Amino acid sequence: PIAWNMNCLEEVCGACSMVINGRPRQSCSALVDQLEQPLKLQ
């Protein structure tokens, strides 16, 4: 299983930061419908 950090799931705690499609952001507020595929997570 993939390891990642998360906590509040509502963009308040800051724990779930990662690079999504080349852009650093919160993964809880990153909606799949608004992202190009394949999703690239780093």
PDB file of all heavy atoms in Angstrom:
ATOM      1  N   PRO A   1       0.838  -1.211   0.000  1.00  0.00           N
ATOM      2  CA  PRO A   1       0.000   0.000   0.000  1.00  0.00           C
ATOM      3  C   PRO A   1       0.865   1.249   0.000  1.00  0.00           C
ATOM      4  O   PRO A   1       1.962   1.263   0.561  1.00  0.00           O
ATOM      5  CB  PRO A   1      -0.800  -0.125   1.301  1.00  0.00           C
ATOM      6  CG  PRO A   1      -0.770  -1.579   1.641  1.00  0.00           C
ATOM      7  CD  PRO A   1       0.552  -2.087   1.143  1.00  0.00           C
ATOM      8  N   ILE A   2       0.383   2.288  -0.630  1.00  0.00           N
ATOM      9  CA  ILE A   2       1.125   3.552  -0.700  1.00  0.00           C
ATOM     10  C   ILE A   2       1.009   4.292   0.633  1.00  0.00           C
ATOM     11  O   ILE A   2      -0.066   4.349   1.231  1.00  0.00           O
ATOM     12  CB  ILE A   2       0.572   4.430  -1.841  1.00  0.00           C
ATOM     13  CG1 ILE A   2       0.778   3.724  -3.181  1.00  0.00           C
ATOM     14  CG2 ILE A   2       1.257   5.791  -1.856  1.00  0.00           C
ATOM     15  CD1 ILE A   2       0.003   4.328  -4.310  1.00  0.00           C
ATOM     16  N   ALA A   3       2.125   4.844   1.086  1.00  0.00           N
ATOM     17  CA  ALA A   3       2.130   5.625   2.325  1.00  0.00           C
ATOM     18  C   ALA A   3       2.021   7.112   1.985  1.00  0.00           C
ATOM     19  O   ALA A   3       2.708   7.604   1.098  1.00  0.00           O
ATOM     20  CB  ALA A   3       3.416   5.358   3.106  1.00  0.00           C
ATOM     21  N   TRP A   4       1.122   7.799   2.674  1.00  0.00           N
ATOM     22  CA  TRP A   4       1.000   9.242   2.533  1.00  0.00           C
ATOM     23  C   TRP A   4       0.454   9.812   3.838  1.00  0.00           C
ATOM     24  O   TRP A   4      -0.017   9.070   4.696  1.00  0.00           O
ATOM     25  CB  TRP A   4       0.094   9.600   1.350  1.00  0.00           C
ATOM     26  CG  TRP A   4      -1.389   9.495   1.612  1.00  0.00           C
ATOM     27  CD1 TRP A   4      -2.235  10.488   2.002  1.00  0.00           C
ATOM     28  CD2 TRP A   4      -2.207   8.312   1.501  1.00  0.00           C
ATOM     29  NE1 TRP A   4      -3.509  10.008   2.146  1.00  0.00           N
ATOM     30  CE2 TRP A   4      -3.525   8.680   1.840  1.00  0.00           C
ATOM     31  CE3 TRP A   4      -1.950   6.985   1.151  1.00  0.00           C
ATOM     32  CZ2 TRP A   4      -4.582   7.772   1.852  1.00  0.00           C
ATOM     33  CZ3 TRP A   4      -3.000   6.082   1.155  1.00  0.00           C
ATOM     34  CH2 TRP A   4      -4.292   6.471   1.494  1.00  0.00           C
ATOM     35  N   ASN A   5       0.540  11.106   3.984  1.00  0.00           N
ATOM     36  CA  ASN A   5       0.038  11.758   5.194  1.00  0.00           C
ATOM     37  C   ASN A   5      -1.304  12.410   4.934  1.00  0.00           C
ATOM     38  O   ASN A   5      -1.528  12.994   3.869  1.00  0.00           O
ATOM     39  CB  ASN A   5       1.016  12.840   5.682  1.00  0.00           C
ATOM     40  CG  ASN A   5       2.294  12.259   6.227  1.00  0.00           C
ATOM     41  OD1 ASN A   5       2.292  11.190   6.822  1.00  0.00           O
ATOM     42  ND2 ASN A   5       3.402  12.958   6.023  1.00  0.00           N
ATOM     43  N   MET A   6      -2.198  12.340   5.896  1.00  0.00           N
ATOM     44  CA  MET A   6      -3.461  13.080   5.825  1.00  0.00           C
ATOM     45  C   MET A   6      -4.014  13.183   7.233  1.00  0.00           C
ATOM     46  O   MET A   6      -3.609  12.460   8.141  1.00  0.00           O
ATOM     47  CB  MET A   6      -4.473  12.380   4.916  1.00  0.00           C
ATOM     48  CG  MET A   6      -4.958  11.039   5.417  1.00  0.00           C
ATOM     49  SD  MET A   6      -6.220  10.341   4.350  1.00  0.00           S
ATOM     50  CE  MET A   6      -6.683   8.883   5.298  1.00  0.00           C
ATOM     51  N   ASN A   7      -4.950  14.106   7.409  1.00  0.00           N
ATOM     52  CA  ASN A   7      -5.569  14.261   8.715  1.00  0.00           C
ATOM     53  C   ASN A   7      -6.987  14.788   8.565  1.00  0.00           C
ATOM     54  O   ASN A   7      -7.949  14.046   8.632  1.00  0.00           O
ATOM     55  CB  ASN A   7      -4.723  15.183   9.604  1.00  0.00           C
ATOM     56  CG  ASN A   7      -5.126  15.125  11.057  1.00  0.00           C
ATOM     57  OD1 ASN A   7      -6.011  14.375  11.439  1.00  0.00           O
ATOM     58  ND2 ASN A   7      -4.480  15.918  11.879  1.00  0.00           N
ATOM     59  N   CYS A   8      -7.127  16.102   8.327  1.00  0.00           N
ATOM     60  CA  CYS A   8      -8.455  16.717   8.436  1.00  0.00           C
ATOM     61  C   CYS A   8      -9.347  16.468   7.233  1.00  0.00           C
ATOM     62  O   CYS A   8     -10.565  16.465   7.353  1.00  0.00           O
ATOM     63  CB  CYS A   8      -8.298  18.223   8.656  1.00  0.00           C
ATOM     64  SG  CYS A   8      -7.757  19.130   7.175  1.00  0.00           S
ATOM     65  N   LEU A   9      -8.765  16.298   6.049  1.00  0.00           N
ATOM     66  CA  LEU A   9      -9.497  16.110   4.791  1.00  0.00           C
ATOM     67  C   LEU A   9     -10.345  17.319   4.403  1.00  0.00           C
ATOM     68  O   LEU A   9     -11.288  17.193   3.617  1.00  0.00           O
ATOM     69  CB  LEU A   9     -10.389  14.853   4.848  1.00  0.00           C
ATOM     70  CG  LEU A   9      -9.647  13.530   5.074  1.00  0.00           C
ATOM     71  CD1 LEU A   9     -10.633  12.367   5.109  1.00  0.00           C
ATOM     72  CD2 LEU A   9      -8.606  13.297   3.990  1.00  0.00           C
ATOM     73  N   GLU A  10     -10.047  18.499   4.928  1.00  0.00           N
ATOM     74  CA  GLU A  10     -10.797  19.694   4.530  1.00  0.00           C
ATOM     75  C   GLU A  10      -9.883  20.913   4.395  1.00  0.00           C
ATOM     76  O   GLU A  10     -10.281  22.029   4.673  1.00  0.00           O
ATOM     77  CB  GLU A  10     -11.936  19.977   5.518  1.00  0.00           C
ATOM     78  CG  GLU A  10     -11.516  20.061   6.974  1.00  0.00           C
ATOM     79  CD  GLU A  10     -12.704  20.216   7.920  1.00  0.00           C
ATOM     80  OE1 GLU A  10     -13.859  20.095   7.452  1.00  0.00           O
ATOM     81  OE2 GLU A  10     -12.478  20.466   9.114  1.00  0.00           O
ATOM     82  N   GLU A  11      -8.661  20.684   3.967  1.00  0.00           N
ATOM     83  CA  GLU A  11      -7.688  21.741   3.677  1.00  0.00           C
ATOM     84  C   GLU A  11      -7.495  22.692   4.852  1.00  0.00           C
ATOM     85  O   GLU A  11      -7.562  23.906   4.720  1.00  0.00           O
ATOM     86  CB  GLU A  11      -8.109  22.525   2.423  1.00  0.00           C
ATOM     87  CG  GLU A  11      -6.920  23.182   1.729  1.00  0.00           C
ATOM     88  CD  GLU A  11      -7.294  23.888   0.450  1.00  0.00           C
ATOM     89  OE1 GLU A  11      -8.122  24.817   0.495  1.00  0.00           O
ATOM     90  OE2 GLU A  11      -6.754  23.519  -0.604  1.00  0.00           O
ATOM     91  N   VAL A  12      -7.254  22.113   6.019  1.00  0.00           N
ATOM     92  CA  VAL A  12      -6.999  22.906   7.216  1.00  0.00           C
ATOM     93  C   VAL A  12      -5.698  22.491   7.901  1.00  0.00           C
ATOM     94  O   VAL A  12      -4.963  23.332   8.412  1.00  0.00           O
ATOM     95  CB  VAL A  12      -8.173  22.798   8.222  1.00  0.00           C
ATOM     96  CG1 VAL A  12      -7.822  23.466   9.541  1.00  0.00           C
ATOM     97  CG2 VAL A  12      -9.433  23.420   7.637  1.00  0.00           C
ATOM     98  N   CYS A  13      -5.383  21.188   7.883  1.00  0.00           N
ATOM     99  CA  CYS A  13      -4.223  20.711   8.648  1.00  0.00           C
ATOM    100  C   CYS A  13      -2.911  20.831   7.885  1.00  0.00           C
ATOM    101  O   CYS A  13      -1.851  20.961   8.481  1.00  0.00           O
ATOM    102  CB  CYS A  13      -4.445  19.261   9.086  1.00  0.00           C
ATOM    103  SG  CYS A  13      -4.317  18.052   7.743  1.00  0.00           S
ATOM    104  N   GLY A  14      -2.947  20.782   6.558  1.00  0.00           N
ATOM    105  CA  GLY A  14      -1.731  20.902   5.753  1.00  0.00           C
ATOM    106  C   GLY A  14      -0.923  19.629   5.608  1.00  0.00           C
ATOM    107  O   GLY A  14       0.132  19.631   4.977  1.00  0.00           O
ATOM    108  N   ALA A  15      -1.415  18.514   6.176  1.00  0.00           N
ATOM    109  CA  ALA A  15      -0.614  17.281   6.212  1.00  0.00           C
ATOM    110  C   ALA A  15      -0.525  16.577   4.862  1.00  0.00           C
ATOM    111  O   ALA A  15       0.443  15.866   4.605  1.00  0.00           O
ATOM    112  CB  ALA A  15      -1.190  16.320   7.255  1.00  0.00           C
ATOM    113  N   CYS A  16      -1.525  16.738   4.001  1.00  0.00           N
ATOM    114  CA  CYS A  16      -1.593  15.902   2.793  1.00  0.00           C
ATOM    115  C   CYS A  16      -0.941  16.551   1.578  1.00  0.00           C
ATOM    116  O   CYS A  16      -1.259  16.211   0.435  1.00  0.00           O
ATOM    117  CB  CYS A  16      -3.034  15.525   2.488  1.00  0.00           C
ATOM    118  SG  CYS A  16      -4.078  16.898   1.940  1.00  0.00           S
ATOM    119  N   SER A  17      -0.010  17.472   1.792  1.00  0.00           N
ATOM    120  CA  SER A  17       0.678  18.118   0.674  1.00  0.00           C
ATOM    121  C   SER A  17       1.469  17.102  -0.141  1.00  0.00           C
ATOM    122  O   SER A  17       2.131  16.227   0.416  1.00  0.00           O
ATOM    123  CB  SER A  17       1.643  19.185   1.189  1.00  0.00           C
ATOM    124  OG  SER A  17       0.984  20.135   1.969  1.00  0.00           O
ATOM    125  N   MET A  18       1.396  17.230  -1.445  1.00  0.00           N
ATOM    126  CA  MET A  18       2.215  16.433  -2.362  1.00  0.00           C
ATOM    127  C   MET A  18       2.239  17.144  -3.700  1.00  0.00           C
ATOM    128  O   MET A  18       1.530  18.138  -3.907  1.00  0.00           O
ATOM    129  CB  MET A  18       1.673  15.006  -2.493  1.00  0.00           C
ATOM    130  CG  MET A  18       0.278  14.897  -3.058  1.00  0.00           C
ATOM    131  SD  MET A  18      -0.355  13.180  -3.095  1.00  0.00           S
ATOM    132  CE  MET A  18      -0.564  12.828  -1.355  1.00  0.00           C
ATOM    133  N   VAL A  19       3.062  16.660  -4.609  1.00  0.00           N
ATOM    134  CA  VAL A  19       3.134  17.238  -5.949  1.00  0.00           C
ATOM    135  C   VAL A  19       2.201  16.446  -6.855  1.00  0.00           C
ATOM    136  O   VAL A  19       2.382  15.242  -7.064  1.00  0.00           O
ATOM    137  CB  VAL A  19       4.577  17.216  -6.491  1.00  0.00           C
ATOM    138  CG1 VAL A  19       4.632  17.774  -7.909  1.00  0.00           C
ATOM    139  CG2 VAL A  19       5.495  18.020  -5.570  1.00  0.00           C
ATOM    140  N   ILE A  20       1.177  17.116  -7.362  1.00  0.00           N
ATOM    141  CA  ILE A  20       0.162  16.479  -8.203  1.00  0.00           C
ATOM    142  C   ILE A  20       0.250  17.073  -9.601  1.00  0.00           C
ATOM    143  O   ILE A  20       0.060  18.282  -9.789  1.00  0.00           O
ATOM    144  CB  ILE A  20      -1.243  16.692  -7.616  1.00  0.00           C
ATOM    145  CG1 ILE A  20      -1.313  16.116  -6.190  1.00  0.00           C
ATOM    146  CG2 ILE A  20      -2.303  16.066  -8.504  1.00  0.00           C
ATOM    147  CD1 ILE A  20      -2.579  16.473  -5.440  1.00  0.00           C
ATOM    148  N   ASN A  21       0.587  16.240 -10.568  1.00  0.00           N
ATOM    149  CA  ASN A  21       0.782  16.689 -11.955  1.00  0.00           C
ATOM    150  C   ASN A  21       1.744  17.874 -12.028  1.00  0.00           C
ATOM    151  O   ASN A  21       1.507  18.853 -12.737  1.00  0.00           O
ATOM    152  CB  ASN A  21      -0.564  17.047 -12.596  1.00  0.00           C
ATOM    153  CG  ASN A  21      -1.430  15.825 -12.859  1.00  0.00           C
ATOM    154  OD1 ASN A  21      -1.017  14.691 -12.596  1.00  0.00           O
ATOM    155  ND2 ASN A  21      -2.632  16.030 -13.371  1.00  0.00           N
ATOM    156  N   GLY A  22       2.817  17.772 -11.240  1.00  0.00           N
ATOM    157  CA  GLY A  22       3.875  18.775 -11.283  1.00  0.00           C
ATOM    158  C   GLY A  22       3.651  19.999 -10.430  1.00  0.00           C
ATOM    159  O   GLY A  22       4.503  20.887 -10.384  1.00  0.00           O
ATOM    160  N   ARG A  23       2.511  20.040  -9.721  1.00  0.00           N
ATOM    161  CA  ARG A  23       2.193  21.226  -8.922  1.00  0.00           C
ATOM    162  C   ARG A  23       2.018  20.849  -7.455  1.00  0.00           C
ATOM    163  O   ARG A  23       1.223  19.954  -7.138  1.00  0.00           O
ATOM    164  CB  ARG A  23       0.903  21.858  -9.447  1.00  0.00           C
ATOM    165  CG  ARG A  23       0.412  23.035  -8.626  1.00  0.00           C
ATOM    166  CD  ARG A  23      -0.976  23.469  -9.069  1.00  0.00           C
ATOM    167  NE  ARG A  23      -1.619  24.304  -8.052  1.00  0.00           N
ATOM    168  CZ  ARG A  23      -2.915  24.566  -8.018  1.00  0.00           C
ATOM    169  NH1 ARG A  23      -3.714  24.054  -8.932  1.00  0.00           N
ATOM    170  NH2 ARG A  23      -3.420  25.329  -7.066  1.00  0.00           N
ATOM    171  N   PRO A  24       2.738  21.502  -6.547  1.00  0.00           N
ATOM    172  CA  PRO A  24       2.546  21.218  -5.115  1.00  0.00           C
ATOM    173  C   PRO A  24       1.199  21.749  -4.643  1.00  0.00           C
ATOM    174  O   PRO A  24       0.858  22.907  -4.903  1.00  0.00           O
ATOM    175  CB  PRO A  24       3.707  21.949  -4.437  1.00  0.00           C
ATOM    176  CG  PRO A  24       4.077  23.043  -5.376  1.00  0.00           C
ATOM    177  CD  PRO A  24       3.790  22.529  -6.756  1.00  0.00           C
ATOM    178  N   ARG A  25       0.437  20.902  -3.948  1.00  0.00           N
ATOM    179  CA  ARG A  25      -0.884  21.309  -3.479  1.00  0.00           C
ATOM    180  C   ARG A  25      -1.408  20.312  -2.459  1.00  0.00           C
ATOM    181  O   ARG A  25      -0.771  19.304  -2.174  1.00  0.00           O
ATOM    182  CB  ARG A  25      -1.863  21.429  -4.652  1.00  0.00           C
ATOM    183  CG  ARG A  25      -2.020  20.157  -5.469  1.00  0.00           C
ATOM    184  CD  ARG A  25      -2.938  20.341  -6.662  1.00  0.00           C
ATOM    185  NE  ARG A  25      -4.264  20.774  -6.258  1.00  0.00           N
ATOM    186  CZ  ARG A  25      -5.278  20.966  -7.107  1.00  0.00           C
ATOM    187  NH1 ARG A  25      -5.097  20.788  -8.399  1.00  0.00           N
ATOM    188  NH2 ARG A  25      -6.457  21.351  -6.673  1.00  0.00           N
ATOM    189  N   GLN A  26      -2.604  20.572  -1.938  1.00  0.00           N
ATOM    190  CA  GLN A  26      -3.238  19.661  -1.004  1.00  0.00           C
ATOM    191  C   GLN A  26      -3.992  18.587  -1.782  1.00  0.00           C
ATOM    192  O   GLN A  26      -4.771  18.896  -2.690  1.00  0.00           O
ATOM    193  CB  GLN A  26      -4.226  20.415  -0.111  1.00  0.00           C
ATOM    194  CG  GLN A  26      -3.624  21.585   0.637  1.00  0.00           C
ATOM    195  CD  GLN A  26      -2.558  21.148   1.601  1.00  0.00           C
ATOM    196  OE1 GLN A  26      -2.832  20.595   2.648  1.00  0.00           O
ATOM    197  NE2 GLN A  26      -1.319  21.395   1.228  1.00  0.00           N
ATOM    198  N   SER A  27      -3.772  17.333  -1.426  1.00  0.00           N
ATOM    199  CA  SER A  27      -4.435  16.248  -2.162  1.00  0.00           C
ATOM    200  C   SER A  27      -5.900  16.092  -1.785  1.00  0.00           C
ATOM    201  O   SER A  27      -6.678  15.516  -2.540  1.00  0.00           O
ATOM    202  CB  SER A  27      -3.688  14.928  -1.953  1.00  0.00           C
ATOM    203  OG  SER A  27      -3.411  14.703  -0.588  1.00  0.00           O
ATOM    204  N   CYS A  28      -6.305  16.627  -0.617  1.00  0.00           N
ATOM    205  CA  CYS A  28      -7.717  16.506  -0.229  1.00  0.00           C
ATOM    206  C   CYS A  28      -8.614  17.398  -1.079  1.00  0.00           C
ATOM    207  O   CYS A  28      -9.779  17.073  -1.323  1.00  0.00           O
ATOM    208  CB  CYS A  28      -7.895  16.825   1.246  1.00  0.00           C
ATOM    209  SG  CYS A  28      -7.454  18.526   1.700  1.00  0.00           S
ATOM    210  N   SER A  29      -8.086  18.527  -1.543  1.00  0.00           N
ATOM    211  CA  SER A  29      -8.897  19.447  -2.345  1.00  0.00           C
ATOM    212  C   SER A  29      -8.603  19.330  -3.839  1.00  0.00           C
ATOM    213  O   SER A  29      -9.137  20.099  -4.644  1.00  0.00           O
ATOM    214  CB  SER A  29      -8.659  20.888  -1.881  1.00  0.00           C
ATOM    215  OG  SER A  29      -7.292  21.224  -1.964  1.00  0.00           O
ATOM    216  N   ALA A  30      -7.768  18.376  -4.218  1.00  0.00           N
ATOM    217  CA  ALA A  30      -7.465  18.130  -5.632  1.00  0.00           C
ATOM    218  C   ALA A  30      -8.478  17.144  -6.191  1.00  0.00           C
ATOM    219  O   ALA A  30      -8.441  15.959  -5.876  1.00  0.00           O
ATOM    220  CB  ALA A  30      -6.044  17.592  -5.782  1.00  0.00           C
ATOM    221  N   LEU A  31      -9.416  17.632  -6.995  1.00  0.00           N
ATOM    222  CA  LEU A  31     -10.498  16.797  -7.521  1.00  0.00           C
ATOM    223  C   LEU A  31     -10.093  16.153  -8.840  1.00  0.00           C
ATOM    224  O   LEU A  31      -9.566  16.816  -9.740  1.00  0.00           O
ATOM    225  CB  LEU A  31     -11.762  17.636  -7.715  1.00  0.00           C
ATOM    226  CG  LEU A  31     -12.291  18.345  -6.455  1.00  0.00           C
ATOM    227  CD1 LEU A  31     -13.539  19.169  -6.791  1.00  0.00           C
ATOM    228  CD2 LEU A  31     -12.597  17.333  -5.357  1.00  0.00           C
ATOM    229  N   VAL A  32     -10.349  14.865  -8.948  1.00  0.00           N
ATOM    230  CA  VAL A  32      -9.956  14.095 -10.121  1.00  0.00           C
ATOM    231  C   VAL A  32     -10.566  14.671 -11.399  1.00  0.00           C
ATOM    232  O   VAL A  32      -9.916  14.741 -12.443  1.00  0.00           O
ATOM    233  CB  VAL A  32     -10.361  12.614  -9.945  1.00  0.00           C
ATOM    234  CG1 VAL A  32     -10.192  11.838 -11.248  1.00  0.00           C
ATOM    235  CG2 VAL A  32      -9.540  11.973  -8.837  1.00  0.00           C
ATOM    236  N   ASP A  33     -11.807  15.117 -11.319  1.00  0.00           N
ATOM    237  CA  ASP A  33     -12.492  15.641 -12.508  1.00  0.00           C
ATOM    238  C   ASP A  33     -11.824  16.901 -13.068  1.00  0.00           C
ATOM    239  O   ASP A  33     -12.056  17.266 -14.218  1.00  0.00           O
ATOM    240  CB  ASP A  33     -13.955  15.956 -12.181  1.00  0.00           C
ATOM    241  CG  ASP A  33     -14.773  14.693 -11.929  1.00  0.00           C
ATOM    242  OD1 ASP A  33     -14.392  13.634 -12.459  1.00  0.00           O
ATOM    243  OD2 ASP A  33     -15.785  14.771 -11.211  1.00  0.00           O
ATOM    244  N   GLN A  34     -11.016  17.553 -12.256  1.00  0.00           N
ATOM    245  CA  GLN A  34     -10.353  18.780 -12.694  1.00  0.00           C
ATOM    246  C   GLN A  34      -8.880  18.560 -13.042  1.00  0.00           C
ATOM    247  O   GLN A  34      -8.156  19.527 -13.298  1.00  0.00           O
ATOM    248  CB  GLN A  34     -10.465  19.837 -11.590  1.00  0.00           C
ATOM    249  CG  GLN A  34     -11.898  20.237 -11.267  1.00  0.00           C
ATOM    250  CD  GLN A  34     -11.995  21.164 -10.074  1.00  0.00           C
ATOM    251  OE1 GLN A  34     -10.992  21.543  -9.481  1.00  0.00           O
ATOM    252  NE2 GLN A  34     -13.215  21.527  -9.699  1.00  0.00           N
ATOM    253  N   LEU A  35      -8.444  17.297 -13.063  1.00  0.00           N
ATOM    254  CA  LEU A  35      -7.033  16.983 -13.297  1.00  0.00           C
ATOM    255  C   LEU A  35      -6.854  16.167 -14.568  1.00  0.00           C
ATOM    256  O   LEU A  35      -7.716  15.353 -14.928  1.00  0.00           O
ATOM    257  CB  LEU A  35      -6.464  16.195 -12.111  1.00  0.00           C
ATOM    258  CG  LEU A  35      -6.436  16.917 -10.766  1.00  0.00           C
ATOM    259  CD1 LEU A  35      -6.143  15.931  -9.646  1.00  0.00           C
ATOM    260  CD2 LEU A  35      -5.399  18.032 -10.775  1.00  0.00           C
ATOM    261  N   GLU A  36      -5.735  16.381 -15.241  1.00  0.00           N
ATOM    262  CA  GLU A  36      -5.396  15.561 -16.406  1.00  0.00           C
ATOM    263  C   GLU A  36      -4.916  14.193 -15.952  1.00  0.00           C
ATOM    264  O   GLU A  36      -4.300  14.051 -14.894  1.00  0.00           O
ATOM    265  CB  GLU A  36      -4.304  16.240 -17.238  1.00  0.00           C
ATOM    266  CG  GLU A  36      -4.773  17.472 -17.995  1.00  0.00           C
ATOM    267  CD  GLU A  36      -3.694  17.994 -18.927  1.00  0.00           C
ATOM    268  OE1 GLU A  36      -2.680  17.279 -19.130  1.00  0.00           O
ATOM    269  OE2 GLU A  36      -3.856  19.106 -19.447  1.00  0.00           O
ATOM    270  N   GLN A  37      -5.226  13.188 -16.764  1.00  0.00           N
ATOM    271  CA  GLN A  37      -4.759  11.826 -16.468  1.00  0.00           C
ATOM    272  C   GLN A  37      -3.709  11.422 -17.497  1.00  0.00           C
ATOM    273  O   GLN A  37      -3.742  11.878 -18.634  1.00  0.00           O
ATOM    274  CB  GLN A  37      -5.947  10.865 -16.480  1.00  0.00           C
ATOM    275  CG  GLN A  37      -6.926  11.111 -15.357  1.00  0.00           C
ATOM    276  CD  GLN A  37      -7.954  10.010 -15.238  1.00  0.00           C
ATOM    277  OE1 GLN A  37      -7.677   8.828 -15.457  1.00  0.00           O
ATOM    278  NE2 GLN A  37      -9.175  10.393 -14.886  1.00  0.00           N
ATOM    279  N   PRO A  38      -2.774  10.546 -17.077  1.00  0.00           N
ATOM    280  CA  PRO A  38      -2.695   9.912 -15.765  1.00  0.00           C
ATOM    281  C   PRO A  38      -2.303  10.907 -14.669  1.00  0.00           C
ATOM    282  O   PRO A  38      -1.499  11.816 -14.913  1.00  0.00           O
ATOM    283  CB  PRO A  38      -1.612   8.853 -15.943  1.00  0.00           C
ATOM    284  CG  PRO A  38      -0.733   9.391 -17.028  1.00  0.00           C
ATOM    285  CD  PRO A  38      -1.653  10.120 -17.964  1.00  0.00           C
ATOM    286  N   LEU A  39      -2.889  10.727 -13.485  1.00  0.00           N
ATOM    287  CA  LEU A  39      -2.475  11.524 -12.343  1.00  0.00           C
ATOM    288  C   LEU A  39      -1.038  11.146 -11.988  1.00  0.00           C
ATOM    289  O   LEU A  39      -0.722   9.966 -11.852  1.00  0.00           O
ATOM    290  CB  LEU A  39      -3.375  11.247 -11.136  1.00  0.00           C
ATOM    291  CG  LEU A  39      -4.885  11.426 -11.299  1.00  0.00           C
ATOM    292  CD1 LEU A  39      -5.574  11.120  -9.982  1.00  0.00           C
ATOM    293  CD2 LEU A  39      -5.223  12.822 -11.782  1.00  0.00           C
ATOM    294  N   LYS A  40      -0.193  12.125 -11.824  1.00  0.00           N
ATOM    295  CA  LYS A  40       1.190  11.869 -11.434  1.00  0.00           C
ATOM    296  C   LYS A  40       1.410  12.409 -10.030  1.00  0.00           C
ATOM    297  O   LYS A  40       1.357  13.627  -9.814  1.00  0.00           O
ATOM    298  CB  LYS A  40       2.163  12.509 -12.433  1.00  0.00           C
ATOM    299  CG  LYS A  40       2.140  11.842 -13.803  1.00  0.00           C
ATOM    300  CD  LYS A  40       3.303  12.291 -14.666  1.00  0.00           C
ATOM    301  CE  LYS A  40       3.322  11.513 -15.975  1.00  0.00           C
ATOM    302  NZ  LYS A  40       4.487  11.869 -16.818  1.00  0.00           N
ATOM    303  N   LEU A  41       1.626  11.505  -9.090  1.00  0.00           N
ATOM    304  CA  LEU A  41       1.758  11.875  -7.684  1.00  0.00           C
ATOM    305  C   LEU A  41       3.197  11.673  -7.231  1.00  0.00           C
ATOM    306  O   LEU A  41       3.770  10.598  -7.392  1.00  0.00           O
ATOM    307  CB  LEU A  41       0.813  11.028  -6.822  1.00  0.00           C
ATOM    308  CG  LEU A  41      -0.653  10.937  -7.284  1.00  0.00           C
ATOM    309  CD1 LEU A  41      -1.459  10.097  -6.311  1.00  0.00           C
ATOM    310  CD2 LEU A  41      -1.255  12.335  -7.435  1.00  0.00           C
ATOM    311  N   GLN A  42       3.767  12.733  -6.644  1.00  0.00           N
ATOM    312  CA  GLN A  42       5.147  12.695  -6.162  1.00  0.00           C
ATOM    313  C   GLN A  42       5.229  13.362  -4.789  1.00  0.00           C
ATOM    314  O   GLN A  42       4.422  14.246  -4.481  1.00  0.00           O
ATOM    315  CB  GLN A  42       6.073  13.439  -7.127  1.00  0.00           C
ATOM    316  CG  GLN A  42       6.140  12.867  -8.527  1.00  0.00           C
ATOM    317  CD  GLN A  42       6.854  13.820  -9.472  1.00  0.00           C
ATOM    318  OE1 GLN A  42       6.230  14.663 -10.106  1.00  0.00           O
ATOM    319  NE2 GLN A  42       8.181  13.690  -9.548  1.00  0.00           N
TER     320      GLN A  42
END
